[in-house]
Every structure is written in C-alpha cells, then in structure tokens.
Amino acid sequence: MRYLFLLRQEDGPALSDDERAALFGKFVAWSESLKTRGHLAGVERLNDYGGHTVRKKRDVIVVDGPYAEMRELVSGLYIVEVGSAEEAHRLAAECPLMDVGGSIEVREIGEFPVRP
C-alpha cells in the first residue's frame, strides 16, 4: 500500500539558521532511513514562498494567492510503501517535523489508470 505524507508546518517556535540546518539534517537522515528500510517511494521539498491556486470561473482562468495560513502550509511530501495504515502512522510519527510543532497528514494513495 502506498501512502502520501503531507508535511504541514504549524505555528511552532521560530528557528534560528543553525536550528533550521540541524532540522534539515534530521530530515535527510530520516529520509535515508526510510529508503534503507524499503519504504521510500518519493520525497519532495516545497519552497517556502508559497504557490498559487488556479481555478476556472466562467471560462476564465483565475490565479490567486498565495493565501495559505501558516497552519495550512505544506512544506513537503513523502510517498511511502508499507503494509498497513498503522505502519504508515508509525513512520509518520518518526518525522522530525513533529519535534517542532508540525503535523503529518497521512493519506492512502489509490490506483489511477494512467501512471507515469
């Protein structure tokens, strides 16, 4: 089973440059651990400056944002392969973001007819 981990930064303590660098090192180590254990199927870090929402209104393309509140900011994503939801939850609980007030949204990935 494949699961998506959406890493959400939340209103946590402001980190110094040294603390941010140390946290990044913990993410690298955690990612390598997931890979070594055969669970890592993909990982991406998202840039801090946000993004845009694209929608269609009356046949006109509208680009808004970024307007996300800090608690809604997705800072990265992982795709993991595990045997159960419980195992996915255990792996998510290991994420270094948990130590600085962040959260991990865990979603099961369903099959789709078109694969890259």
PDB file of N, CA and C in Angstrom:
ATOM      1  N   MET A   1       0.840  -1.171   0.000  1.00  0.00           N
ATOM      2  CA  MET A   1       0.000   0.000   0.000  1.00  0.00           C
ATOM      3  C   MET A   1       0.890   1.241   0.000  1.00  0.00           C
ATOM      4  N   ARG A   2       0.437   2.219  -0.741  1.00  0.00           N
ATOM      5  CA  ARG A   2       1.196   3.474  -0.819  1.00  0.00           C
ATOM      6  C   ARG A   2       0.439   4.572  -0.075  1.00  0.00           C
ATOM      7  N   TYR A   3       1.198   5.391   0.651  1.00  0.00           N
ATOM      8  CA  TYR A   3       0.630   6.484   1.423  1.00  0.00           C
ATOM      9  C   TYR A   3       1.373   7.773   1.112  1.00  0.00           C
ATOM     10  N   LEU A   4       0.617   8.857   1.130  1.00  0.00           N
ATOM     11  CA  LEU A   4       1.167  10.192   0.964  1.00  0.00           C
ATOM     12  C   LEU A   4       1.271  10.833   2.337  1.00  0.00           C
ATOM     13  N   PHE A   5       2.435  11.364   2.653  1.00  0.00           N
ATOM     14  CA  PHE A   5       2.627  12.153   3.859  1.00  0.00           C
ATOM     15  C   PHE A   5       2.714  13.613   3.419  1.00  0.00           C
ATOM     16  N   LEU A   6       1.768  14.422   3.837  1.00  0.00           N
ATOM     17  CA  LEU A   6       1.825  15.864   3.603  1.00  0.00           C
ATOM     18  C   LEU A   6       2.365  16.511   4.871  1.00  0.00           C
ATOM     19  N   LEU A   7       3.524  17.146   4.773  1.00  0.00           N
ATOM     20  CA  LEU A   7       4.155  17.753   5.930  1.00  0.00           C
ATOM     21  C   LEU A   7       3.633  19.178   6.076  1.00  0.00           C
ATOM     22  N   ARG A   8       3.029  19.458   7.203  1.00  0.00           N
ATOM     23  CA  ARG A   8       2.444  20.774   7.448  1.00  0.00           C
ATOM     24  C   ARG A   8       3.196  21.477   8.574  1.00  0.00           C
ATOM     25  N   GLN A   9       3.685  22.651   8.236  1.00  0.00           N
ATOM     26  CA  GLN A   9       4.282  23.500   9.251  1.00  0.00           C
ATOM     27  C   GLN A   9       3.127  24.158   9.992  1.00  0.00           C
ATOM     28  N   GLU A  10       3.267  24.283  11.267  1.00  0.00           N
ATOM     29  CA  GLU A  10       2.228  24.924  12.047  1.00  0.00           C
ATOM     30  C   GLU A  10       2.869  25.987  12.908  1.00  0.00           C
ATOM     31  N   ASP A  11       2.060  26.667  13.647  1.00  0.00           N
ATOM     32  CA  ASP A  11       2.569  27.746  14.487  1.00  0.00           C
ATOM     33  C   ASP A  11       3.466  27.178  15.571  1.00  0.00           C
ATOM     34  N   GLY A  12       4.707  26.999  15.218  1.00  0.00           N
ATOM     35  CA  GLY A  12       5.681  26.485  16.164  1.00  0.00           C
ATOM     36  C   GLY A  12       6.712  27.564  16.457  1.00  0.00           C
ATOM     37  N   PRO A  13       7.730  27.209  17.186  1.00  0.00           N
ATOM     38  CA  PRO A  13       8.761  28.193  17.522  1.00  0.00           C
ATOM     39  C   PRO A  13       9.550  28.601  16.282  1.00  0.00           C
ATOM     40  N   ALA A  14       9.938  29.865  16.231  1.00  0.00           N
ATOM     41  CA  ALA A  14      10.807  30.334  15.155  1.00  0.00           C
ATOM     42  C   ALA A  14      12.170  29.687  15.344  1.00  0.00           C
ATOM     43  N   LEU A  15      12.740  29.205  14.259  1.00  0.00           N
ATOM     44  CA  LEU A  15      14.026  28.520  14.342  1.00  0.00           C
ATOM     45  C   LEU A  15      15.148  29.426  13.857  1.00  0.00           C
ATOM     46  N   SER A  16      16.280  29.348  14.533  1.00  0.00           N
ATOM     47  CA  SER A  16      17.470  30.071  14.072  1.00  0.00           C
ATOM     48  C   SER A  16      18.016  29.360  12.842  1.00  0.00           C
ATOM     49  N   ASP A  17      18.955  29.987  12.166  1.00  0.00           N
ATOM     50  CA  ASP A  17      19.572  29.353  10.996  1.00  0.00           C
ATOM     51  C   ASP A  17      20.238  28.030  11.372  1.00  0.00           C
ATOM     52  N   ASP A  18      20.911  28.002  12.522  1.00  0.00           N
ATOM     53  CA  ASP A  18      21.559  26.770  12.968  1.00  0.00           C
ATOM     54  C   ASP A  18      20.539  25.685  13.282  1.00  0.00           C
ATOM     55  N   GLU A  19      19.439  26.058  13.932  1.00  0.00           N
ATOM     56  CA  GLU A  19      18.384  25.089  14.236  1.00  0.00           C
ATOM     57  C   GLU A  19      17.729  24.565  12.962  1.00  0.00           C
ATOM     58  N   ARG A  20      17.526  25.446  11.993  1.00  0.00           N
ATOM     59  CA  ARG A  20      16.941  25.047  10.708  1.00  0.00           C
ATOM     60  C   ARG A  20      17.867  24.072   9.979  1.00  0.00           C
ATOM     61  N   ALA A  21      19.160  24.357   9.991  1.00  0.00           N
ATOM     62  CA  ALA A  21      20.136  23.467   9.351  1.00  0.00           C
ATOM     63  C   ALA A  21      20.166  22.109  10.050  1.00  0.00           C
ATOM     64  N   ALA A  22      20.091  22.101  11.377  1.00  0.00           N
ATOM     65  CA  ALA A  22      20.081  20.836  12.123  1.00  0.00           C
ATOM     66  C   ALA A  22      18.807  20.049  11.806  1.00  0.00           C
ATOM     67  N   LEU A  23      17.669  20.735  11.705  1.00  0.00           N
ATOM     68  CA  LEU A  23      16.410  20.070  11.370  1.00  0.00           C
ATOM     69  C   LEU A  23      16.486  19.462   9.975  1.00  0.00           C
ATOM     70  N   PHE A  24      17.074  20.194   9.030  1.00  0.00           N
ATOM     71  CA  PHE A  24      17.226  19.672   7.675  1.00  0.00           C
ATOM     72  C   PHE A  24      18.082  18.410   7.687  1.00  0.00           C
ATOM     73  N   GLY A  25      19.148  18.409   8.484  1.00  0.00           N
ATOM     74  CA  GLY A  25      19.988  17.215   8.616  1.00  0.00           C
ATOM     75  C   GLY A  25      19.204  16.027   9.158  1.00  0.00           C
ATOM     76  N   LYS A  26      18.290  16.287  10.086  1.00  0.00           N
ATOM     77  CA  LYS A  26      17.442  15.213  10.623  1.00  0.00           C
ATOM     78  C   LYS A  26      16.508  14.676   9.537  1.00  0.00           C
ATOM     79  N   PHE A  27      16.009  15.564   8.681  1.00  0.00           N
ATOM     80  CA  PHE A  27      15.157  15.124   7.576  1.00  0.00           C
ATOM     81  C   PHE A  27      15.933  14.246   6.599  1.00  0.00           C
ATOM     82  N   VAL A  28      17.159  14.624   6.306  1.00  0.00           N
ATOM     83  CA  VAL A  28      17.988  13.816   5.411  1.00  0.00           C
ATOM     84  C   VAL A  28      18.205  12.437   6.016  1.00  0.00           C
ATOM     85  N   ALA A  29      18.536  12.395   7.292  1.00  0.00           N
ATOM     86  CA  ALA A  29      18.764  11.105   7.964  1.00  0.00           C
ATOM     87  C   ALA A  29      17.486  10.268   7.989  1.00  0.00           C
ATOM     88  N   TRP A  30      16.342  10.885   8.277  1.00  0.00           N
ATOM     89  CA  TRP A  30      15.065  10.149   8.302  1.00  0.00           C
ATOM     90  C   TRP A  30      14.727   9.612   6.916  1.00  0.00           C
ATOM     91  N   SER A  31      14.948  10.449   5.890  1.00  0.00           N
ATOM     92  CA  SER A  31      14.688  10.025   4.512  1.00  0.00           C
ATOM     93  C   SER A  31      15.570   8.845   4.126  1.00  0.00           C
ATOM     94  N   GLU A  32      16.845   8.913   4.485  1.00  0.00           N
ATOM     95  CA  GLU A  32      17.758   7.808   4.194  1.00  0.00           C
ATOM     96  C   GLU A  32      17.332   6.541   4.932  1.00  0.00           C
ATOM     97  N   SER A  33      16.832   6.705   6.166  1.00  0.00           N
ATOM     98  CA  SER A  33      16.359   5.566   6.941  1.00  0.00           C
ATOM     99  C   SER A  33      15.135   4.929   6.269  1.00  0.00           C
ATOM    100  N   LEU A  34      14.198   5.745   5.812  1.00  0.00           N
ATOM    101  CA  LEU A  34      13.030   5.222   5.099  1.00  0.00           C
ATOM    102  C   LEU A  34      13.461   4.458   3.844  1.00  0.00           C
ATOM    103  N   LYS A  35      14.443   5.008   3.137  1.00  0.00           N
ATOM    104  CA  LYS A  35      14.936   4.362   1.919  1.00  0.00           C
ATOM    105  C   LYS A  35      15.600   3.028   2.250  1.00  0.00           C
ATOM    106  N   THR A  36      16.453   3.026   3.262  1.00  0.00           N
ATOM    107  CA  THR A  36      17.157   1.808   3.663  1.00  0.00           C
ATOM    108  C   THR A  36      16.185   0.705   4.074  1.00  0.00           C
ATOM    109  N   ARG A  37      15.094   1.092   4.726  1.00  0.00           N
ATOM    110  CA  ARG A  37      14.091   0.115   5.182  1.00  0.00           C
ATOM    111  C   ARG A  37      13.118  -0.277   4.074  1.00  0.00           C
ATOM    112  N   GLY A  38      13.289   0.295   2.868  1.00  0.00           N
ATOM    113  CA  GLY A  38      12.469  -0.084   1.724  1.00  0.00           C
ATOM    114  C   GLY A  38      11.104   0.567   1.667  1.00  0.00           C
ATOM    115  N   HIS A  39      10.931   1.691   2.382  1.00  0.00           N
ATOM    116  CA  HIS A  39       9.623   2.345   2.415  1.00  0.00           C
ATOM    117  C   HIS A  39       9.527   3.595   1.536  1.00  0.00           C
ATOM    118  N   LEU A  40      10.642   4.206   1.206  1.00  0.00           N
ATOM    119  CA  LEU A  40      10.606   5.483   0.498  1.00  0.00           C
ATOM    120  C   LEU A  40      10.362   5.284  -0.994  1.00  0.00           C
ATOM    121  N   ALA A  41       9.234   5.824  -1.476  1.00  0.00           N
ATOM    122  CA  ALA A  41       8.924   5.764  -2.907  1.00  0.00           C
ATOM    123  C   ALA A  41       9.095   7.129  -3.566  1.00  0.00           C
ATOM    124  N   GLY A  42       9.125   8.197  -2.780  1.00  0.00           N
ATOM    125  CA  GLY A  42       9.315   9.533  -3.328  1.00  0.00           C
ATOM    126  C   GLY A  42       9.327  10.558  -2.218  1.00  0.00           C
ATOM    127  N   VAL A  43      10.050  11.648  -2.448  1.00  0.00           N
ATOM    128  CA  VAL A  43      10.098  12.742  -1.479  1.00  0.00           C
ATOM    129  C   VAL A  43      10.372  14.035  -2.236  1.00  0.00           C
ATOM    130  N   GLU A  44       9.697  15.102  -1.828  1.00  0.00           N
ATOM    131  CA  GLU A  44       9.909  16.420  -2.426  1.00  0.00           C
ATOM    132  C   GLU A  44       9.814  17.474  -1.337  1.00  0.00           C
ATOM    133  N   ARG A  45      10.671  18.465  -1.412  1.00  0.00           N
ATOM    134  CA  ARG A  45      10.619  19.624  -0.524  1.00  0.00           C
ATOM    135  C   ARG A  45       9.984  20.751  -1.316  1.00  0.00           C
ATOM    136  N   LEU A  46       9.040  21.435  -0.718  1.00  0.00           N
ATOM    137  CA  LEU A  46       8.389  22.556  -1.389  1.00  0.00           C
ATOM    138  C   LEU A  46       9.010  23.865  -0.921  1.00  0.00           C
ATOM    139  N   ASN A  47       9.152  24.821  -1.825  1.00  0.00           N
ATOM    140  CA  ASN A  47       9.741  26.107  -1.473  1.00  0.00           C
ATOM    141  C   ASN A  47       8.840  26.874  -0.514  1.00  0.00           C
ATOM    142  N   ASP A  48       9.457  27.678   0.333  1.00  0.00           N
ATOM    143  CA  ASP A  48       8.739  28.393   1.379  1.00  0.00           C
ATOM    144  C   ASP A  48       7.864  29.534   0.871  1.00  0.00           C
ATOM    145  N   TYR A  49       8.101  30.031  -0.317  1.00  0.00           N
ATOM    146  CA  TYR A  49       7.401  31.235  -0.747  1.00  0.00           C
ATOM    147  C   TYR A  49       5.975  30.981  -1.222  1.00  0.00           C
ATOM    148  N   GLY A  50       5.465  29.791  -1.019  1.00  0.00           N
ATOM    149  CA  GLY A  50       4.063  29.524  -1.326  1.00  0.00           C
ATOM    150  C   GLY A  50       3.850  29.138  -2.765  1.00  0.00           C
ATOM    151  N   GLY A  51       2.643  29.310  -3.204  1.00  0.00           N
ATOM    152  CA  GLY A  51       2.275  28.948  -4.567  1.00  0.00           C
ATOM    153  C   GLY A  51       1.027  29.699  -4.948  1.00  0.00           C
ATOM    154  N   HIS A  52       0.339  29.194  -5.903  1.00  0.00           N
ATOM    155  CA  HIS A  52      -0.871  29.854  -6.385  1.00  0.00           C
ATOM    156  C   HIS A  52      -1.983  28.833  -6.540  1.00  0.00           C
ATOM    157  N   THR A  53      -3.190  29.311  -6.463  1.00  0.00           N
ATOM    158  CA  THR A  53      -4.352  28.478  -6.721  1.00  0.00           C
ATOM    159  C   THR A  53      -4.885  28.856  -8.085  1.00  0.00           C
ATOM    160  N   VAL A  54      -5.034  27.868  -8.955  1.00  0.00           N
ATOM    161  CA  VAL A  54      -5.552  28.107 -10.302  1.00  0.00           C
ATOM    162  C   VAL A  54      -6.948  27.503 -10.361  1.00  0.00           C
ATOM    163  N   ARG A  55      -7.907  28.315 -10.795  1.00  0.00           N
ATOM    164  CA  ARG A  55      -9.272  27.815 -10.944  1.00  0.00           C
ATOM    165  C   ARG A  55      -9.899  28.459 -12.170  1.00  0.00           C
ATOM    166  N   LYS A  56     -10.994  27.898 -12.565  1.00  0.00           N
ATOM    167  CA  LYS A  56     -11.699  28.405 -13.732  1.00  0.00           C
ATOM    168  C   LYS A  56     -13.047  28.963 -13.275  1.00  0.00           C
ATOM    169  N   LYS A  57     -13.303  30.221 -13.640  1.00  0.00           N
ATOM    170  CA  LYS A  57     -14.588  30.861 -13.334  1.00  0.00           C
ATOM    171  C   LYS A  57     -15.160  31.411 -14.628  1.00  0.00           C
ATOM    172  N   ARG A  58     -16.295  30.844 -15.028  1.00  0.00           N
ATOM    173  CA  ARG A  58     -16.971  31.277 -16.261  1.00  0.00           C
ATOM    174  C   ARG A  58     -16.005  31.320 -17.447  1.00  0.00           C
ATOM    175  N   ASP A  59     -15.290  30.213 -17.646  1.00  0.00           N
ATOM    176  CA  ASP A  59     -14.351  30.053 -18.756  1.00  0.00           C
ATOM    177  C   ASP A  59     -13.160  31.004 -18.703  1.00  0.00           C
ATOM    178  N   VAL A  60     -12.912  31.608 -17.560  1.00  0.00           N
ATOM    179  CA  VAL A  60     -11.749  32.482 -17.374  1.00  0.00           C
ATOM    180  C   VAL A  60     -10.855  31.835 -16.327  1.00  0.00           C
ATOM    181  N   ILE A  61      -9.579  31.735 -16.638  1.00  0.00           N
ATOM    182  CA  ILE A  61      -8.619  31.170 -15.690  1.00  0.00           C
ATOM    183  C   ILE A  61      -8.234  32.254 -14.684  1.00  0.00           C
ATOM    184  N   VAL A  62      -8.379  31.920 -13.403  1.00  0.00           N
ATOM    185  CA  VAL A  62      -8.069  32.859 -12.323  1.00  0.00           C
ATOM    186  C   VAL A  62      -6.946  32.265 -11.495  1.00  0.00           C
ATOM    187  N   VAL A  63      -5.924  33.076 -11.235  1.00  0.00           N
ATOM    188  CA  VAL A  63      -4.794  32.653 -10.404  1.00  0.00           C
ATOM    189  C   VAL A  63      -4.802  33.513  -9.156  1.00  0.00           C
ATOM    190  N   ASP A  64      -4.942  32.863  -8.011  1.00  0.00           N
ATOM    191  CA  ASP A  64      -4.974  33.550  -6.722  1.00  0.00           C
ATOM    192  C   ASP A  64      -3.785  33.131  -5.886  1.00  0.00           C
ATOM    193  N   GLY A  65      -3.515  33.949  -4.883  1.00  0.00           N
ATOM    194  CA  GLY A  65      -2.594  33.551  -3.825  1.00  0.00           C
ATOM    195  C   GLY A  65      -1.162  33.968  -4.041  1.00  0.00           C
ATOM    196  N   PRO A  66      -0.322  33.490  -3.179  1.00  0.00           N
ATOM    197  CA  PRO A  66      -0.608  32.507  -2.130  1.00  0.00           C
ATOM    198  C   PRO A  66      -1.289  33.161  -0.927  1.00  0.00           C
ATOM    199  N   TYR A  67      -2.287  32.495  -0.409  1.00  0.00           N
ATOM    200  CA  TYR A  67      -3.036  32.995   0.737  1.00  0.00           C
ATOM    201  C   TYR A  67      -3.064  32.027   1.904  1.00  0.00           C
ATOM    202  N   ALA A  68      -2.371  30.933   1.824  1.00  0.00           N
ATOM    203  CA  ALA A  68      -2.450  29.915   2.873  1.00  0.00           C
ATOM    204  C   ALA A  68      -2.017  30.476   4.220  1.00  0.00           C
ATOM    205  N   GLU A  69      -2.776  30.122   5.255  1.00  0.00           N
ATOM    206  CA  GLU A  69      -2.367  30.448   6.602  1.00  0.00           C
ATOM    207  C   GLU A  69      -1.220  29.520   6.975  1.00  0.00           C
ATOM    208  N   MET A  70      -0.444  29.915   7.958  1.00  0.00           N
ATOM    209  CA  MET A  70       0.721  29.123   8.354  1.00  0.00           C
ATOM    210  C   MET A  70       0.321  27.684   8.674  1.00  0.00           C
ATOM    211  N   ARG A  71      -0.811  27.463   9.347  1.00  0.00           N
ATOM    212  CA  ARG A  71      -1.209  26.110   9.722  1.00  0.00           C
ATOM    213  C   ARG A  71      -1.588  25.275   8.514  1.00  0.00           C
ATOM    214  N   GLU A  72      -1.788  25.907   7.355  1.00  0.00           N
ATOM    215  CA  GLU A  72      -2.160  25.189   6.144  1.00  0.00           C
ATOM    216  C   GLU A  72      -0.974  24.963   5.212  1.00  0.00           C
ATOM    217  N   LEU A  73       0.175  25.533   5.535  1.00  0.00           N
ATOM    218  CA  LEU A  73       1.326  25.484   4.647  1.00  0.00           C
ATOM    219  C   LEU A  73       1.897  24.071   4.566  1.00  0.00           C
ATOM    220  N   VAL A  74       1.920  23.533   3.363  1.00  0.00           N
ATOM    221  CA  VAL A  74       2.530  22.218   3.130  1.00  0.00           C
ATOM    222  C   VAL A  74       3.976  22.471   2.734  1.00  0.00           C
ATOM    223  N   SER A  75       4.911  21.947   3.535  1.00  0.00           N
ATOM    224  CA  SER A  75       6.323  22.214   3.285  1.00  0.00           C
ATOM    225  C   SER A  75       7.016  21.103   2.514  1.00  0.00           C
ATOM    226  N   GLY A  76       6.370  19.955   2.404  1.00  0.00           N
ATOM    227  CA  GLY A  76       6.975  18.851   1.678  1.00  0.00           C
ATOM    228  C   GLY A  76       6.039  17.668   1.636  1.00  0.00           C
ATOM    229  N   LEU A  77       6.467  16.649   0.891  1.00  0.00           N
ATOM    230  CA  LEU A  77       5.651  15.452   0.792  1.00  0.00           C
ATOM    231  C   LEU A  77       6.544  14.233   0.628  1.00  0.00           C
ATOM    232  N   TYR A  78       6.055  13.134   1.150  1.00  0.00           N
ATOM    233  CA  TYR A  78       6.703  11.844   1.021  1.00  0.00           C
ATOM    234  C   TYR A  78       5.680  10.867   0.479  1.00  0.00           C
ATOM    235  N   ILE A  79       6.120   9.915  -0.310  1.00  0.00           N
ATOM    236  CA  ILE A  79       5.311   8.767  -0.686  1.00  0.00           C
ATOM    237  C   ILE A  79       6.027   7.552  -0.124  1.00  0.00           C
ATOM    238  N   VAL A  80       5.295   6.811   0.698  1.00  0.00           N
ATOM    239  CA  VAL A  80       5.893   5.636   1.333  1.00  0.00           C
ATOM    240  C   VAL A  80       5.097   4.398   0.962  1.00  0.00           C
ATOM    241  N   GLU A  81       5.781   3.267   0.977  1.00  0.00           N
ATOM    242  CA  GLU A  81       5.155   1.974   0.718  1.00  0.00           C
ATOM    243  C   GLU A  81       5.261   1.150   1.986  1.00  0.00           C
ATOM    244  N   VAL A  82       4.103   0.754   2.511  1.00  0.00           N
ATOM    245  CA  VAL A  82       4.046  -0.006   3.756  1.00  0.00           C
ATOM    246  C   VAL A  82       2.913  -1.031   3.671  1.00  0.00           C
ATOM    247  N   GLY A  83       2.807  -1.879   4.674  1.00  0.00           N
ATOM    248  CA  GLY A  83       1.799  -2.924   4.661  1.00  0.00           C
ATOM    249  C   GLY A  83       0.455  -2.539   5.241  1.00  0.00           C
ATOM    250  N   SER A  84       0.407  -1.426   6.012  1.00  0.00           N
ATOM    251  CA  SER A  84      -0.852  -1.075   6.662  1.00  0.00           C
ATOM    252  C   SER A  84      -0.872   0.405   7.030  1.00  0.00           C
ATOM    253  N   ALA A  85      -2.074   0.885   7.337  1.00  0.00           N
ATOM    254  CA  ALA A  85      -2.220   2.269   7.792  1.00  0.00           C
ATOM    255  C   ALA A  85      -1.484   2.472   9.113  1.00  0.00           C
ATOM    256  N   GLU A  86      -1.527   1.479   9.982  1.00  0.00           N
ATOM    257  CA  GLU A  86      -0.844   1.589  11.270  1.00  0.00           C
ATOM    258  C   GLU A  86       0.658   1.775  11.086  1.00  0.00           C
ATOM    259  N   GLU A  87       1.221   1.047  10.133  1.00  0.00           N
ATOM    260  CA  GLU A  87       2.651   1.192   9.853  1.00  0.00           C
ATOM    261  C   GLU A  87       2.949   2.577   9.289  1.00  0.00           C
ATOM    262  N   ALA A  88       2.075   3.082   8.426  1.00  0.00           N
ATOM    263  CA  ALA A  88       2.239   4.437   7.894  1.00  0.00           C
ATOM    264  C   ALA A  88       2.205   5.451   9.034  1.00  0.00           C
ATOM    265  N   HIS A  89       1.299   5.269   9.980  1.00  0.00           N
ATOM    266  CA  HIS A  89       1.208   6.188  11.117  1.00  0.00           C
ATOM    267  C   HIS A  89       2.477   6.144  11.960  1.00  0.00           C
ATOM    268  N   ARG A  90       3.027   4.946  12.166  1.00  0.00           N
ATOM    269  CA  ARG A  90       4.271   4.827  12.938  1.00  0.00           C
ATOM    270  C   ARG A  90       5.414   5.562  12.235  1.00  0.00           C
ATOM    271  N   LEU A  91       5.510   5.396  10.914  1.00  0.00           N
ATOM    272  CA  LEU A  91       6.571   6.088  10.179  1.00  0.00           C
ATOM    273  C   LEU A  91       6.374   7.601  10.230  1.00  0.00           C
ATOM    274  N   ALA A  92       5.136   8.054  10.085  1.00  0.00           N
ATOM    275  CA  ALA A  92       4.862   9.497  10.136  1.00  0.00           C
ATOM    276  C   ALA A  92       5.261  10.076  11.490  1.00  0.00           C
ATOM    277  N   ALA A  93       5.044   9.308  12.546  1.00  0.00           N
ATOM    278  CA  ALA A  93       5.378   9.781  13.893  1.00  0.00           C
ATOM    279  C   ALA A  93       6.879   9.968  14.079  1.00  0.00           C
ATOM    280  N   GLU A  94       7.701   9.339  13.224  1.00  0.00           N
ATOM    281  CA  GLU A  94       9.158   9.493  13.288  1.00  0.00           C
ATOM    282  C   GLU A  94       9.632  10.801  12.662  1.00  0.00           C
ATOM    283  N   CYS A  95       8.781  11.477  11.908  1.00  0.00           N
ATOM    284  CA  CYS A  95       9.195  12.652  11.137  1.00  0.00           C
ATOM    285  C   CYS A  95       9.733  13.755  12.057  1.00  0.00           C
ATOM    286  N   PRO A  96      10.885  14.322  11.717  1.00  0.00           N
ATOM    287  CA  PRO A  96      11.475  15.382  12.538  1.00  0.00           C
ATOM    288  C   PRO A  96      10.586  16.613  12.696  1.00  0.00           C
ATOM    289  N   LEU A  97       9.666  16.834  11.777  1.00  0.00           N
ATOM    290  CA  LEU A  97       8.771  17.988  11.874  1.00  0.00           C
ATOM    291  C   LEU A  97       7.903  17.910  13.127  1.00  0.00           C
ATOM    292  N   MET A  98       7.636  16.700  13.583  1.00  0.00           N
ATOM    293  CA  MET A  98       6.819  16.516  14.782  1.00  0.00           C
ATOM    294  C   MET A  98       7.476  17.158  16.008  1.00  0.00           C
ATOM    295  N   ASP A  99       8.812  17.229  16.021  1.00  0.00           N
ATOM    296  CA  ASP A  99       9.539  17.772  17.169  1.00  0.00           C
ATOM    297  C   ASP A  99       9.505  19.292  17.244  1.00  0.00           C
ATOM    298  N   VAL A 100       9.039  19.946  16.184  1.00  0.00           N
ATOM    299  CA  VAL A 100       8.992  21.412  16.175  1.00  0.00           C
ATOM    300  C   VAL A 100       7.563  21.914  15.957  1.00  0.00           C
ATOM    301  N   GLY A 101       6.583  21.104  16.348  1.00  0.00           N
ATOM    302  CA  GLY A 101       5.195  21.547  16.314  1.00  0.00           C
ATOM    303  C   GLY A 101       4.466  21.353  15.001  1.00  0.00           C
ATOM    304  N   GLY A 102       5.058  20.621  14.049  1.00  0.00           N
ATOM    305  CA  GLY A 102       4.396  20.375  12.775  1.00  0.00           C
ATOM    306  C   GLY A 102       3.484  19.170  12.851  1.00  0.00           C
ATOM    307  N   SER A 103       2.814  18.887  11.750  1.00  0.00           N
ATOM    308  CA  SER A 103       1.950  17.711  11.690  1.00  0.00           C
ATOM    309  C   SER A 103       2.110  17.039  10.338  1.00  0.00           C
ATOM    310  N   ILE A 104       1.710  15.776  10.287  1.00  0.00           N
ATOM    311  CA  ILE A 104       1.799  14.984   9.068  1.00  0.00           C
ATOM    312  C   ILE A 104       0.397  14.489   8.730  1.00  0.00           C
ATOM    313  N   GLU A 105      -0.090  14.858   7.568  1.00  0.00           N
ATOM    314  CA  GLU A 105      -1.358  14.310   7.096  1.00  0.00           C
ATOM    315  C   GLU A 105      -1.037  13.044   6.316  1.00  0.00           C
ATOM    316  N   VAL A 106      -1.644  11.932   6.696  1.00  0.00           N
ATOM    317  CA  VAL A 106      -1.381  10.627   6.079  1.00  0.00           C
ATOM    318  C   VAL A 106      -2.595  10.244   5.251  1.00  0.00           C
ATOM    319  N   ARG A 107      -2.374  10.042   3.935  1.00  0.00           N
ATOM    320  CA  ARG A 107      -3.471   9.693   3.029  1.00  0.00           C
ATOM    321  C   ARG A 107      -3.079   8.474   2.212  1.00  0.00           C
ATOM    322  N   GLU A 108      -3.985   7.499   2.142  1.00  0.00           N
ATOM    323  CA  GLU A 108      -3.728   6.325   1.306  1.00  0.00           C
ATOM    324  C   GLU A 108      -3.856   6.741  -0.156  1.00  0.00           C
ATOM    325  N   ILE A 109      -2.948   6.238  -0.982  1.00  0.00           N
ATOM    326  CA  ILE A 109      -2.958   6.542  -2.419  1.00  0.00           C
ATOM    327  C   ILE A 109      -3.687   5.420  -3.135  1.00  0.00           C
ATOM    328  N   GLY A 110      -4.717   5.755  -3.874  1.00  0.00           N
ATOM    329  CA  GLY A 110      -5.462   4.770  -4.642  1.00  0.00           C
ATOM    330  C   GLY A 110      -4.874   4.608  -6.031  1.00  0.00           C
ATOM    331  N   GLU A 111      -5.279   3.562  -6.692  1.00  0.00           N
ATOM    332  CA  GLU A 111      -4.820   3.310  -8.066  1.00  0.00           C
ATOM    333  C   GLU A 111      -5.502   4.280  -9.032  1.00  0.00           C
ATOM    334  N   PHE A 112      -4.778   4.651 -10.049  1.00  0.00           N
ATOM    335  CA  PHE A 112      -5.283   5.522 -11.114  1.00  0.00           C
ATOM    336  C   PHE A 112      -4.884   4.897 -12.427  1.00  0.00           C
ATOM    337  N   PRO A 113      -5.741   4.963 -13.439  1.00  0.00           N
ATOM    338  CA  PRO A 113      -5.448   4.213 -14.682  1.00  0.00           C
ATOM    339  C   PRO A 113      -4.223   4.692 -15.449  1.00  0.00           C
ATOM    340  N   VAL A 114      -3.800   5.917 -15.267  1.00  0.00           N
ATOM    341  CA  VAL A 114      -2.638   6.423 -16.003  1.00  0.00           C
ATOM    342  C   VAL A 114      -1.502   6.608 -15.014  1.00  0.00           C
ATOM    343  N   ARG A 115      -0.390   5.935 -15.250  1.00  0.00           N
ATOM    344  CA  ARG A 115       0.788   6.041 -14.385  1.00  0.00           C
ATOM    345  C   ARG A 115       1.926   6.614 -15.226  1.00  0.00           C
ATOM    346  N   PRO A 116       2.803   7.381 -14.583  1.00  0.00           N
ATOM    347  CA  PRO A 116       3.952   7.937 -15.330  1.00  0.00           C
ATOM    348  C   PRO A 116       4.881   6.856 -15.836  1.00  0.00           C
TER     349      PRO A 116
END
